[in-house]
Protein backbone atom coordinates (compact mmCIF):
# COMPACT_ATOMS: atom_id res chain seq x y z
CA UNK A 1 0.00 0.00 0.00
CA UNK A 2 1.22 3.46 -0.85
CA UNK A 3 0.00 6.92 0.17
CA UNK A 4 0.90 10.38 -1.06
CA UNK A 5 -0.20 13.33 1.05
CA UNK A 6 0.03 17.02 0.28
CA UNK A 7 -1.02 19.61 2.84
CA UNK A 8 -1.25 23.23 1.72
CA UNK A 9 -2.65 26.44 3.11
CA UNK A 10 -2.86 27.36 6.73
CA UNK A 11 -2.02 30.74 8.17
CA UNK A 12 1.57 30.70 6.89
CA UNK A 13 0.80 28.95 3.61
CA UNK A 14 3.27 26.17 4.36
CA UNK A 15 3.34 23.09 2.12
CA UNK A 16 3.99 19.62 3.51
CA UNK A 17 4.29 16.45 1.45
CA UNK A 18 4.72 12.83 2.38
CA UNK A 19 4.91 9.56 0.54
CA UNK A 20 4.56 6.36 2.52
CA UNK A 21 4.96 2.85 1.17
CA UNK A 22 4.10 -0.03 3.47
CA UNK A 23 6.88 -2.09 1.86
CA UNK A 24 9.50 0.31 3.24
CA UNK A 25 8.04 0.66 6.73
CA UNK A 26 8.83 -1.44 9.73
CA UNK A 27 6.28 -4.12 10.64
CA UNK A 28 4.54 -2.06 13.32
CA UNK A 29 4.27 1.05 11.15
CA UNK A 30 3.08 -0.98 8.15
CA UNK A 31 0.34 -2.62 10.25
CA UNK A 32 -0.69 0.74 11.71
CA UNK A 33 -0.84 2.28 8.24
CA UNK A 34 -3.08 -0.50 6.94
CA UNK A 35 -5.34 -0.27 10.02
CA UNK A 36 -5.72 3.49 9.62
CA UNK A 37 -6.61 3.20 5.92
CA UNK A 38 -9.12 0.45 6.67
CA UNK A 39 -10.78 2.28 9.57
CA UNK A 40 -11.00 5.51 7.54
CA UNK A 41 -13.06 3.76 4.84
CA UNK A 42 -10.94 5.86 2.48
CA UNK A 43 -11.88 4.17 -0.78
CA UNK A 44 -15.56 5.04 -0.21
CA UNK A 45 -14.97 8.78 0.28
CA UNK A 46 -15.95 11.22 -2.47
CA UNK A 47 -13.15 12.87 -4.43
CA UNK A 48 -13.94 16.30 -2.94
CA UNK A 49 -14.85 17.21 0.64
CA UNK A 50 -15.59 20.89 1.22
CA UNK A 51 -17.03 22.72 4.24
CA UNK A 52 -20.45 24.37 4.12
CA UNK A 53 -18.80 27.80 4.41
CA UNK A 54 -15.32 28.66 3.12
CA UNK A 55 -12.80 29.02 5.94
CA UNK A 56 -9.65 30.94 5.10
CA UNK A 57 -6.34 29.95 6.66
CA UNK A 58 -7.34 26.31 7.05
CA UNK A 59 -5.32 23.45 5.65
CA UNK A 60 -6.22 21.71 2.41
CA UNK A 61 -5.30 18.03 2.03
CA UNK A 62 -4.88 15.94 -1.08
CA UNK A 63 -4.42 12.28 -0.29
CA UNK A 64 -3.92 9.48 -2.80
CA UNK A 65 -3.82 5.86 -1.72
CA UNK A 66 -2.91 2.94 -3.96
CA UNK A 67 -3.60 -0.61 -2.84
CA UNK A 68 -3.69 -3.82 -4.89
CA UNK A 69 -4.33 -1.98 -8.15
CA UNK A 70 -6.95 0.36 -6.67
CA UNK A 71 -6.15 4.06 -6.59
CA UNK A 72 -8.24 6.80 -5.01
CA UNK A 73 -7.60 10.51 -4.45
CA UNK A 74 -9.49 12.74 -2.04
CA UNK A 75 -9.07 16.50 -1.73
CA UNK A 76 -10.48 17.85 1.51
CA UNK A 77 -10.58 21.01 3.52
CA UNK A 78 -9.40 20.63 7.09
CA UNK A 79 -12.88 21.62 8.30
CA UNK A 80 -14.54 18.96 6.13
CA UNK A 81 -12.35 15.99 7.11
CA UNK A 82 -14.50 13.21 8.54
CA UNK A 83 -13.53 12.11 12.05
CA UNK A 84 -12.60 8.62 10.83
CA UNK A 85 -10.01 10.10 8.40
CA UNK A 86 -8.27 12.44 10.86
CA UNK A 87 -6.15 9.72 12.52
CA UNK A 88 -4.80 8.68 9.09
CA UNK A 89 -3.99 12.30 8.16
CA UNK A 90 -2.35 12.91 11.54
CA UNK A 91 -0.24 9.75 11.25
CA UNK A 92 0.90 10.58 7.72
CA UNK A 93 1.74 14.13 8.81
CA UNK A 94 3.91 12.77 11.66
CA UNK A 95 5.66 10.43 9.21
CA UNK A 96 6.32 13.42 6.89
CA UNK A 97 7.81 15.48 9.71
CA UNK A 98 10.19 12.79 10.87
CA UNK A 99 11.55 12.59 7.34
PDB file of N, CA and C in Angstrom:
ATOM      1  N   UNK A   1       0.850  -1.166   0.000  1.00  0.00           N
ATOM      2  CA  UNK A   1       0.000   0.000   0.000  1.00  0.00           C
ATOM      3  C   UNK A   1       0.896   1.229   0.000  1.00  0.00           C
ATOM      4  N   UNK A   2       0.434   2.227  -0.722  1.00  0.00           N
ATOM      5  CA  UNK A   2       1.224   3.455  -0.850  1.00  0.00           C
ATOM      6  C   UNK A   2       0.288   4.663  -0.706  1.00  0.00           C
ATOM      7  N   UNK A   3       0.775   5.685   0.001  1.00  0.00           N
ATOM      8  CA  UNK A   3       0.004   6.916   0.173  1.00  0.00           C
ATOM      9  C   UNK A   3       0.868   8.118  -0.165  1.00  0.00           C
ATOM     10  N   UNK A   4       0.253   9.094  -0.804  1.00  0.00           N
ATOM     11  CA  UNK A   4       0.897  10.382  -1.061  1.00  0.00           C
ATOM     12  C   UNK A   4      -0.005  11.451  -0.480  1.00  0.00           C
ATOM     13  N   UNK A   5       0.549  12.268   0.392  1.00  0.00           N
ATOM     14  CA  UNK A   5      -0.199  13.326   1.053  1.00  0.00           C
ATOM     15  C   UNK A   5       0.433  14.663   0.735  1.00  0.00           C
ATOM     16  N   UNK A   6      -0.418  15.637   0.427  1.00  0.00           N
ATOM     17  CA  UNK A   6       0.031  17.017   0.279  1.00  0.00           C
ATOM     18  C   UNK A   6      -0.886  17.875   1.136  1.00  0.00           C
ATOM     19  N   UNK A   7      -0.269  18.663   2.012  1.00  0.00           N
ATOM     20  CA  UNK A   7      -1.023  19.610   2.839  1.00  0.00           C
ATOM     21  C   UNK A   7      -0.585  21.008   2.445  1.00  0.00           C
ATOM     22  N   UNK A   8      -1.533  21.847   2.093  1.00  0.00           N
ATOM     23  CA  UNK A   8      -1.245  23.225   1.721  1.00  0.00           C
ATOM     24  C   UNK A   8      -2.126  24.156   2.538  1.00  0.00           C
ATOM     25  N   UNK A   9      -1.820  25.444   2.435  1.00  0.00           N
ATOM     26  CA  UNK A   9      -2.646  26.440   3.111  1.00  0.00           C
ATOM     27  C   UNK A   9      -2.201  26.672   4.535  1.00  0.00           C
ATOM     28  N   UNK A  10      -3.165  26.990   5.359  1.00  0.00           N
ATOM     29  CA  UNK A  10      -2.860  27.361   6.726  1.00  0.00           C
ATOM     30  C   UNK A  10      -2.473  28.830   6.793  1.00  0.00           C
ATOM     31  N   UNK A  11      -2.305  29.325   7.971  1.00  0.00           N
ATOM     32  CA  UNK A  11      -2.016  30.745   8.171  1.00  0.00           C
ATOM     33  C   UNK A  11      -0.745  31.179   7.447  1.00  0.00           C
ATOM     34  N   UNK A  12       0.291  30.338   7.497  1.00  0.00           N
ATOM     35  CA  UNK A  12       1.575  30.696   6.890  1.00  0.00           C
ATOM     36  C   UNK A  12       1.717  30.188   5.457  1.00  0.00           C
ATOM     37  N   UNK A  13       0.732  29.452   4.968  1.00  0.00           N
ATOM     38  CA  UNK A  13       0.798  28.946   3.606  1.00  0.00           C
ATOM     39  C   UNK A  13       1.874  27.893   3.394  1.00  0.00           C
ATOM     40  N   UNK A  14       2.216  27.180   4.446  1.00  0.00           N
ATOM     41  CA  UNK A  14       3.266  26.165   4.362  1.00  0.00           C
ATOM     42  C   UNK A  14       2.764  24.921   3.628  1.00  0.00           C
ATOM     43  N   UNK A  15       3.652  24.302   2.866  1.00  0.00           N
ATOM     44  CA  UNK A  15       3.338  23.088   2.125  1.00  0.00           C
ATOM     45  C   UNK A  15       4.094  21.923   2.749  1.00  0.00           C
ATOM     46  N   UNK A  16       3.397  20.827   2.950  1.00  0.00           N
ATOM     47  CA  UNK A  16       3.987  19.621   3.506  1.00  0.00           C
ATOM     48  C   UNK A  16       3.613  18.460   2.597  1.00  0.00           C
ATOM     49  N   UNK A  17       4.583  17.621   2.264  1.00  0.00           N
ATOM     50  CA  UNK A  17       4.294  16.445   1.452  1.00  0.00           C
ATOM     51  C   UNK A  17       4.875  15.207   2.123  1.00  0.00           C
ATOM     52  N   UNK A  18       4.229  14.102   1.854  1.00  0.00           N
ATOM     53  CA  UNK A  18       4.720  12.825   2.382  1.00  0.00           C
ATOM     54  C   UNK A  18       4.323  11.724   1.421  1.00  0.00           C
ATOM     55  N   UNK A  19       5.215  10.774   1.268  1.00  0.00           N
ATOM     56  CA  UNK A  19       4.911   9.557   0.536  1.00  0.00           C
ATOM     57  C   UNK A  19       5.284   8.399   1.442  1.00  0.00           C
ATOM     58  N   UNK A  20       4.346   7.496   1.630  1.00  0.00           N
ATOM     59  CA  UNK A  20       4.558   6.361   2.518  1.00  0.00           C
ATOM     60  C   UNK A  20       4.238   5.091   1.745  1.00  0.00           C
ATOM     61  N   UNK A  21       5.149   4.145   1.819  1.00  0.00           N
ATOM     62  CA  UNK A  21       4.960   2.850   1.171  1.00  0.00           C
ATOM     63  C   UNK A  21       5.094   1.784   2.253  1.00  0.00           C
ATOM     64  N   UNK A  22       4.071   0.977   2.410  1.00  0.00           N
ATOM     65  CA  UNK A  22       4.103  -0.033   3.472  1.00  0.00           C
ATOM     66  C   UNK A  22       5.261  -1.015   3.309  1.00  0.00           C
ATOM     67  N   UNK A  23       5.757  -1.185   2.084  1.00  0.00           N
ATOM     68  CA  UNK A  23       6.884  -2.089   1.858  1.00  0.00           C
ATOM     69  C   UNK A  23       8.194  -1.573   2.450  1.00  0.00           C
ATOM     70  N   UNK A  24       8.276  -0.275   2.707  1.00  0.00           N
ATOM     71  CA  UNK A  24       9.505   0.308   3.243  1.00  0.00           C
ATOM     72  C   UNK A  24       9.397   0.644   4.728  1.00  0.00           C
ATOM     73  N   UNK A  25       8.238   0.395   5.305  1.00  0.00           N
ATOM     74  CA  UNK A  25       8.036   0.660   6.730  1.00  0.00           C
ATOM     75  C   UNK A  25       8.390  -0.563   7.554  1.00  0.00           C
ATOM     76  N   UNK A  26       8.664  -0.327   8.809  1.00  0.00           N
ATOM     77  CA  UNK A  26       8.831  -1.443   9.732  1.00  0.00           C
ATOM     78  C   UNK A  26       7.489  -2.149   9.916  1.00  0.00           C
ATOM     79  N   UNK A  27       7.511  -3.338  10.481  1.00  0.00           N
ATOM     80  CA  UNK A  27       6.281  -4.124  10.638  1.00  0.00           C
ATOM     81  C   UNK A  27       5.190  -3.385  11.398  1.00  0.00           C
ATOM     82  N   UNK A  28       5.546  -2.755  12.519  1.00  0.00           N
ATOM     83  CA  UNK A  28       4.540  -2.056  13.324  1.00  0.00           C
ATOM     84  C   UNK A  28       3.932  -0.884  12.573  1.00  0.00           C
ATOM     85  N   UNK A  29       4.778  -0.087  11.914  1.00  0.00           N
ATOM     86  CA  UNK A  29       4.271   1.052  11.152  1.00  0.00           C
ATOM     87  C   UNK A  29       3.425   0.593   9.963  1.00  0.00           C
ATOM     88  N   UNK A  30       3.840  -0.469   9.299  1.00  0.00           N
ATOM     89  CA  UNK A  30       3.076  -0.979   8.154  1.00  0.00           C
ATOM     90  C   UNK A  30       1.693  -1.456   8.604  1.00  0.00           C
ATOM     91  N   UNK A  31       1.634  -2.158   9.724  1.00  0.00           N
ATOM     92  CA  UNK A  31       0.339  -2.618  10.250  1.00  0.00           C
ATOM     93  C   UNK A  31      -0.529  -1.436  10.643  1.00  0.00           C
ATOM     94  N   UNK A  32       0.067  -0.450  11.291  1.00  0.00           N
ATOM     95  CA  UNK A  32      -0.693   0.739  11.707  1.00  0.00           C
ATOM     96  C   UNK A  32      -1.242   1.476  10.490  1.00  0.00           C
ATOM     97  N   UNK A  33      -0.435   1.628   9.471  1.00  0.00           N
ATOM     98  CA  UNK A  33      -0.836   2.276   8.236  1.00  0.00           C
ATOM     99  C   UNK A  33      -2.052   1.564   7.632  1.00  0.00           C
ATOM    100  N   UNK A  34      -1.980   0.260   7.506  1.00  0.00           N
ATOM    101  CA  UNK A  34      -3.084  -0.502   6.942  1.00  0.00           C
ATOM    102  C   UNK A  34      -4.343  -0.392   7.799  1.00  0.00           C
ATOM    103  N   UNK A  35      -4.185  -0.415   9.122  1.00  0.00           N
ATOM    104  CA  UNK A  35      -5.336  -0.269  10.019  1.00  0.00           C
ATOM    105  C   UNK A  35      -5.994   1.102   9.846  1.00  0.00           C
ATOM    106  N   UNK A  36      -5.176   2.136   9.754  1.00  0.00           N
ATOM    107  CA  UNK A  36      -5.723   3.490   9.620  1.00  0.00           C
ATOM    108  C   UNK A  36      -6.467   3.665   8.294  1.00  0.00           C
ATOM    109  N   UNK A  37      -5.927   3.111   7.220  1.00  0.00           N
ATOM    110  CA  UNK A  37      -6.613   3.202   5.922  1.00  0.00           C
ATOM    111  C   UNK A  37      -7.933   2.449   5.994  1.00  0.00           C
ATOM    112  N   UNK A  38      -7.899   1.255   6.567  1.00  0.00           N
ATOM    113  CA  UNK A  38      -9.124   0.451   6.667  1.00  0.00           C
ATOM    114  C   UNK A  38     -10.182   1.143   7.520  1.00  0.00           C
ATOM    115  N   UNK A  39      -9.799   1.656   8.672  1.00  0.00           N
ATOM    116  CA  UNK A  39     -10.784   2.282   9.568  1.00  0.00           C
ATOM    117  C   UNK A  39     -11.295   3.622   9.035  1.00  0.00           C
ATOM    118  N   UNK A  40     -10.539   4.238   8.121  1.00  0.00           N
ATOM    119  CA  UNK A  40     -10.999   5.513   7.540  1.00  0.00           C
ATOM    120  C   UNK A  40     -12.028   5.302   6.449  1.00  0.00           C
ATOM    121  N   UNK A  41     -12.143   4.064   5.947  1.00  0.00           N
ATOM    122  CA  UNK A  41     -13.057   3.762   4.841  1.00  0.00           C
ATOM    123  C   UNK A  41     -12.731   4.659   3.646  1.00  0.00           C
ATOM    124  N   UNK A  42     -11.438   4.880   3.444  1.00  0.00           N
ATOM    125  CA  UNK A  42     -10.943   5.859   2.482  1.00  0.00           C
ATOM    126  C   UNK A  42     -11.466   5.652   1.071  1.00  0.00           C
ATOM    127  N   UNK A  43     -11.506   4.423   0.609  1.00  0.00           N
ATOM    128  CA  UNK A  43     -11.882   4.168  -0.781  1.00  0.00           C
ATOM    129  C   UNK A  43     -13.363   4.427  -1.053  1.00  0.00           C
ATOM    130  N   UNK A  44     -14.133   4.705  -0.029  1.00  0.00           N
ATOM    131  CA  UNK A  44     -15.558   5.044  -0.205  1.00  0.00           C
ATOM    132  C   UNK A  44     -15.828   6.545  -0.109  1.00  0.00           C
ATOM    133  N   UNK A  45     -14.788   7.329   0.174  1.00  0.00           N
ATOM    134  CA  UNK A  45     -14.967   8.778   0.283  1.00  0.00           C
ATOM    135  C   UNK A  45     -15.129   9.401  -1.099  1.00  0.00           C
ATOM    136  N   UNK A  46     -15.879  10.505  -1.192  1.00  0.00           N
ATOM    137  CA  UNK A  46     -15.953  11.220  -2.469  1.00  0.00           C
ATOM    138  C   UNK A  46     -14.619  11.896  -2.776  1.00  0.00           C
ATOM    139  N   UNK A  47     -14.410  12.255  -4.013  1.00  0.00           N
ATOM    140  CA  UNK A  47     -13.148  12.872  -4.433  1.00  0.00           C
ATOM    141  C   UNK A  47     -12.949  14.259  -3.843  1.00  0.00           C
ATOM    142  N   UNK A  48     -14.019  14.950  -3.504  1.00  0.00           N
ATOM    143  CA  UNK A  48     -13.936  16.304  -2.943  1.00  0.00           C
ATOM    144  C   UNK A  48     -14.754  16.381  -1.659  1.00  0.00           C
ATOM    145  N   UNK A  49     -14.162  16.956  -0.629  1.00  0.00           N
ATOM    146  CA  UNK A  49     -14.847  17.215   0.641  1.00  0.00           C
ATOM    147  C   UNK A  49     -14.631  18.680   0.986  1.00  0.00           C
ATOM    148  N   UNK A  50     -15.686  19.449   0.944  1.00  0.00           N
ATOM    149  CA  UNK A  50     -15.586  20.889   1.216  1.00  0.00           C
ATOM    150  C   UNK A  50     -16.522  21.265   2.355  1.00  0.00           C
ATOM    151  N   UNK A  51     -16.151  22.274   3.149  1.00  0.00           N
ATOM    152  CA  UNK A  51     -17.034  22.716   4.235  1.00  0.00           C
ATOM    153  C   UNK A  51     -18.236  23.479   3.681  1.00  0.00           C
ATOM    154  N   UNK A  52     -19.257  23.610   4.507  1.00  0.00           N
ATOM    155  CA  UNK A  52     -20.450  24.372   4.119  1.00  0.00           C
ATOM    156  C   UNK A  52     -20.099  25.817   3.788  1.00  0.00           C
ATOM    157  N   UNK A  53     -19.238  26.417   4.617  1.00  0.00           N
ATOM    158  CA  UNK A  53     -18.805  27.803   4.407  1.00  0.00           C
ATOM    159  C   UNK A  53     -17.289  27.804   4.232  1.00  0.00           C
ATOM    160  N   UNK A  54     -16.782  28.572   3.268  1.00  0.00           N
ATOM    161  CA  UNK A  54     -15.319  28.661   3.120  1.00  0.00           C
ATOM    162  C   UNK A  54     -14.669  29.180   4.409  1.00  0.00           C
ATOM    163  N   UNK A  55     -13.523  28.617   4.732  1.00  0.00           N
ATOM    164  CA  UNK A  55     -12.803  29.018   5.941  1.00  0.00           C
ATOM    165  C   UNK A  55     -11.355  29.312   5.565  1.00  0.00           C
ATOM    166  N   UNK A  56     -11.022  30.592   5.461  1.00  0.00           N
ATOM    167  CA  UNK A  56      -9.646  30.944   5.101  1.00  0.00           C
ATOM    168  C   UNK A  56      -8.661  30.486   6.177  1.00  0.00           C
ATOM    169  N   UNK A  57      -7.435  30.327   5.765  1.00  0.00           N
ATOM    170  CA  UNK A  57      -6.338  29.955   6.664  1.00  0.00           C
ATOM    171  C   UNK A  57      -6.481  28.561   7.261  1.00  0.00           C
ATOM    172  N   UNK A  58      -7.248  27.708   6.631  1.00  0.00           N
ATOM    173  CA  UNK A  58      -7.338  26.309   7.052  1.00  0.00           C
ATOM    174  C   UNK A  58      -6.512  25.476   6.080  1.00  0.00           C
ATOM    175  N   UNK A  59      -6.091  24.330   6.518  1.00  0.00           N
ATOM    176  CA  UNK A  59      -5.323  23.447   5.652  1.00  0.00           C
ATOM    177  C   UNK A  59      -6.214  22.791   4.603  1.00  0.00           C
ATOM    178  N   UNK A  60      -5.597  22.475   3.483  1.00  0.00           N
ATOM    179  CA  UNK A  60      -6.225  21.712   2.414  1.00  0.00           C
ATOM    180  C   UNK A  60      -5.378  20.454   2.224  1.00  0.00           C
ATOM    181  N   UNK A  61      -6.008  19.301   2.176  1.00  0.00           N
ATOM    182  CA  UNK A  61      -5.301  18.032   2.035  1.00  0.00           C
ATOM    183  C   UNK A  61      -5.665  17.361   0.718  1.00  0.00           C
ATOM    184  N   UNK A  62      -4.661  16.817   0.059  1.00  0.00           N
ATOM    185  CA  UNK A  62      -4.883  15.940  -1.085  1.00  0.00           C
ATOM    186  C   UNK A  62      -4.168  14.632  -0.759  1.00  0.00           C
ATOM    187  N   UNK A  63      -4.945  13.582  -0.682  1.00  0.00           N
ATOM    188  CA  UNK A  63      -4.417  12.283  -0.294  1.00  0.00           C
ATOM    189  C   UNK A  63      -4.756  11.261  -1.369  1.00  0.00           C
ATOM    190  N   UNK A  64      -3.745  10.575  -1.835  1.00  0.00           N
ATOM    191  CA  UNK A  64      -3.917   9.482  -2.797  1.00  0.00           C
ATOM    192  C   UNK A  64      -3.414   8.209  -2.165  1.00  0.00           C
ATOM    193  N   UNK A  65      -4.229   7.167  -2.242  1.00  0.00           N
ATOM    194  CA  UNK A  65      -3.822   5.863  -1.725  1.00  0.00           C
ATOM    195  C   UNK A  65      -3.974   4.839  -2.844  1.00  0.00           C
ATOM    196  N   UNK A  66      -2.919   4.032  -2.982  1.00  0.00           N
ATOM    197  CA  UNK A  66      -2.911   2.937  -3.956  1.00  0.00           C
ATOM    198  C   UNK A  66      -2.776   1.633  -3.181  1.00  0.00           C
ATOM    199  N   UNK A  67      -3.643   0.678  -3.523  1.00  0.00           N
ATOM    200  CA  UNK A  67      -3.605  -0.612  -2.839  1.00  0.00           C
ATOM    201  C   UNK A  67      -4.127  -1.700  -3.773  1.00  0.00           C
ATOM    202  N   UNK A  68      -3.291  -2.668  -4.060  1.00  0.00           N
ATOM    203  CA  UNK A  68      -3.686  -3.818  -4.889  1.00  0.00           C
ATOM    204  C   UNK A  68      -4.364  -3.402  -6.193  1.00  0.00           C
ATOM    205  N   UNK A  69      -3.797  -2.431  -6.873  1.00  0.00           N
ATOM    206  CA  UNK A  69      -4.334  -1.983  -8.151  1.00  0.00           C
ATOM    207  C   UNK A  69      -5.418  -0.938  -8.058  1.00  0.00           C
ATOM    208  N   UNK A  70      -5.950  -0.701  -6.870  1.00  0.00           N
ATOM    209  CA  UNK A  70      -6.947   0.358  -6.671  1.00  0.00           C
ATOM    210  C   UNK A  70      -6.230   1.647  -6.332  1.00  0.00           C
ATOM    211  N   UNK A  71      -6.728   2.741  -6.868  1.00  0.00           N
ATOM    212  CA  UNK A  71      -6.149   4.055  -6.590  1.00  0.00           C
ATOM    213  C   UNK A  71      -7.290   5.037  -6.392  1.00  0.00           C
ATOM    214  N   UNK A  72      -7.192   5.830  -5.312  1.00  0.00           N
ATOM    215  CA  UNK A  72      -8.239   6.798  -5.010  1.00  0.00           C
ATOM    216  C   UNK A  72      -7.594   8.069  -4.467  1.00  0.00           C
ATOM    217  N   UNK A  73      -8.090   9.213  -4.916  1.00  0.00           N
ATOM    218  CA  UNK A  73      -7.599  10.510  -4.447  1.00  0.00           C
ATOM    219  C   UNK A  73      -8.762  11.289  -3.858  1.00  0.00           C
ATOM    220  N   UNK A  74      -8.504  11.893  -2.713  1.00  0.00           N
ATOM    221  CA  UNK A  74      -9.488  12.744  -2.041  1.00  0.00           C
ATOM    222  C   UNK A  74      -8.819  14.075  -1.739  1.00  0.00           C
ATOM    223  N   UNK A  75      -9.507  15.153  -2.091  1.00  0.00           N
ATOM    224  CA  UNK A  75      -9.071  16.503  -1.726  1.00  0.00           C
ATOM    225  C   UNK A  75     -10.085  17.021  -0.722  1.00  0.00           C
ATOM    226  N   UNK A  76      -9.587  17.460   0.432  1.00  0.00           N
ATOM    227  CA  UNK A  76     -10.481  17.851   1.514  1.00  0.00           C
ATOM    228  C   UNK A  76      -9.969  19.062   2.260  1.00  0.00           C
ATOM    229  N   UNK A  77     -10.882  19.911   2.620  1.00  0.00           N
ATOM    230  CA  UNK A  77     -10.582  21.008   3.520  1.00  0.00           C
ATOM    231  C   UNK A  77     -10.438  20.445   4.929  1.00  0.00           C
ATOM    232  N   UNK A  78      -9.599  21.061   5.703  1.00  0.00           N
ATOM    233  CA  UNK A  78      -9.404  20.633   7.094  1.00  0.00           C
ATOM    234  C   UNK A  78     -10.742  20.579   7.839  1.00  0.00           C
ATOM    235  N   UNK A  79     -11.591  21.550   7.607  1.00  0.00           N
ATOM    236  CA  UNK A  79     -12.880  21.623   8.300  1.00  0.00           C
ATOM    237  C   UNK A  79     -13.852  20.540   7.840  1.00  0.00           C
ATOM    238  N   UNK A  80     -13.618  19.955   6.673  1.00  0.00           N
ATOM    239  CA  UNK A  80     -14.538  18.958   6.133  1.00  0.00           C
ATOM    240  C   UNK A  80     -14.041  17.520   6.306  1.00  0.00           C
ATOM    241  N   UNK A  81     -12.873  17.352   6.926  1.00  0.00           N
ATOM    242  CA  UNK A  81     -12.353  15.993   7.106  1.00  0.00           C
ATOM    243  C   UNK A  81     -13.248  15.200   8.048  1.00  0.00           C
ATOM    244  N   UNK A  82     -13.709  14.042   7.628  1.00  0.00           N
ATOM    245  CA  UNK A  82     -14.497  13.205   8.536  1.00  0.00           C
ATOM    246  C   UNK A  82     -13.636  12.737   9.714  1.00  0.00           C
ATOM    247  N   UNK A  83     -14.255  12.527  10.840  1.00  0.00           N
ATOM    248  CA  UNK A  83     -13.535  12.114  12.049  1.00  0.00           C
ATOM    249  C   UNK A  83     -12.768  10.813  11.842  1.00  0.00           C
ATOM    250  N   UNK A  84     -13.280   9.905  11.029  1.00  0.00           N
ATOM    251  CA  UNK A  84     -12.598   8.623  10.834  1.00  0.00           C
ATOM    252  C   UNK A  84     -11.364   8.739   9.930  1.00  0.00           C
ATOM    253  N   UNK A  85     -11.171   9.892   9.268  1.00  0.00           N
ATOM    254  CA  UNK A  85     -10.010  10.099   8.398  1.00  0.00           C
ATOM    255  C   UNK A  85      -8.902  10.860   9.127  1.00  0.00           C
ATOM    256  N   UNK A  86      -9.256  11.616  10.137  1.00  0.00           N
ATOM    257  CA  UNK A  86      -8.272  12.440  10.858  1.00  0.00           C
ATOM    258  C   UNK A  86      -7.090  11.639  11.415  1.00  0.00           C
ATOM    259  N   UNK A  87      -7.311  10.471  12.024  1.00  0.00           N
ATOM    260  CA  UNK A  87      -6.152   9.719  12.522  1.00  0.00           C
ATOM    261  C   UNK A  87      -5.170   9.338  11.404  1.00  0.00           C
ATOM    262  N   UNK A  88      -5.664   9.009  10.227  1.00  0.00           N
ATOM    263  CA  UNK A  88      -4.799   8.681   9.087  1.00  0.00           C
ATOM    264  C   UNK A  88      -4.005   9.908   8.663  1.00  0.00           C
ATOM    265  N   UNK A  89      -4.657  11.049   8.537  1.00  0.00           N
ATOM    266  CA  UNK A  89      -3.988  12.299   8.155  1.00  0.00           C
ATOM    267  C   UNK A  89      -2.938  12.672   9.197  1.00  0.00           C
ATOM    268  N   UNK A  90      -3.290  12.577  10.469  1.00  0.00           N
ATOM    269  CA  UNK A  90      -2.346  12.912  11.544  1.00  0.00           C
ATOM    270  C   UNK A  90      -1.122  11.992  11.509  1.00  0.00           C
ATOM    271  N   UNK A  91      -1.342  10.705  11.299  1.00  0.00           N
ATOM    272  CA  UNK A  91      -0.244   9.747  11.255  1.00  0.00           C
ATOM    273  C   UNK A  91       0.666  10.033  10.070  1.00  0.00           C
ATOM    274  N   UNK A  92       0.085  10.270   8.903  1.00  0.00           N
ATOM    275  CA  UNK A  92       0.896  10.581   7.715  1.00  0.00           C
ATOM    276  C   UNK A  92       1.674  11.883   7.896  1.00  0.00           C
ATOM    277  N   UNK A  93       1.060  12.861   8.553  1.00  0.00           N
ATOM    278  CA  UNK A  93       1.742  14.131   8.814  1.00  0.00           C
ATOM    279  C   UNK A  93       2.934  13.914   9.736  1.00  0.00           C
ATOM    280  N   UNK A  94       2.773  13.083  10.764  1.00  0.00           N
ATOM    281  CA  UNK A  94       3.906  12.766  11.659  1.00  0.00           C
ATOM    282  C   UNK A  94       5.022  12.058  10.892  1.00  0.00           C
ATOM    283  N   UNK A  95       4.662  11.146  10.023  1.00  0.00           N
ATOM    284  CA  UNK A  95       5.662  10.430   9.213  1.00  0.00           C
ATOM    285  C   UNK A  95       6.422  11.445   8.342  1.00  0.00           C
ATOM    286  N   UNK A  96       5.698  12.402   7.752  1.00  0.00           N
ATOM    287  CA  UNK A  96       6.325  13.418   6.891  1.00  0.00           C
ATOM    288  C   UNK A  96       7.307  14.264   7.686  1.00  0.00           C
ATOM    289  N   UNK A  97       6.953  14.611   8.893  1.00  0.00           N
ATOM    290  CA  UNK A  97       7.814  15.479   9.709  1.00  0.00           C
ATOM    291  C   UNK A  97       9.069  14.787  10.196  1.00  0.00           C
ATOM    292  N   UNK A  98       8.992  13.483  10.384  1.00  0.00           N
ATOM    293  CA  UNK A  98      10.192  12.793  10.873  1.00  0.00           C
ATOM    294  C   UNK A  98      11.146  12.452   9.743  1.00  0.00           C
ATOM    295  N   UNK A  99      10.687  12.705   8.503  1.00  0.00           N
ATOM    296  CA  UNK A  99      11.551  12.591   7.344  1.00  0.00           C
ATOM    297  C   UNK A  99      11.856  11.217   6.990  1.00  0.00           C
TER     298      UNK A  99
END
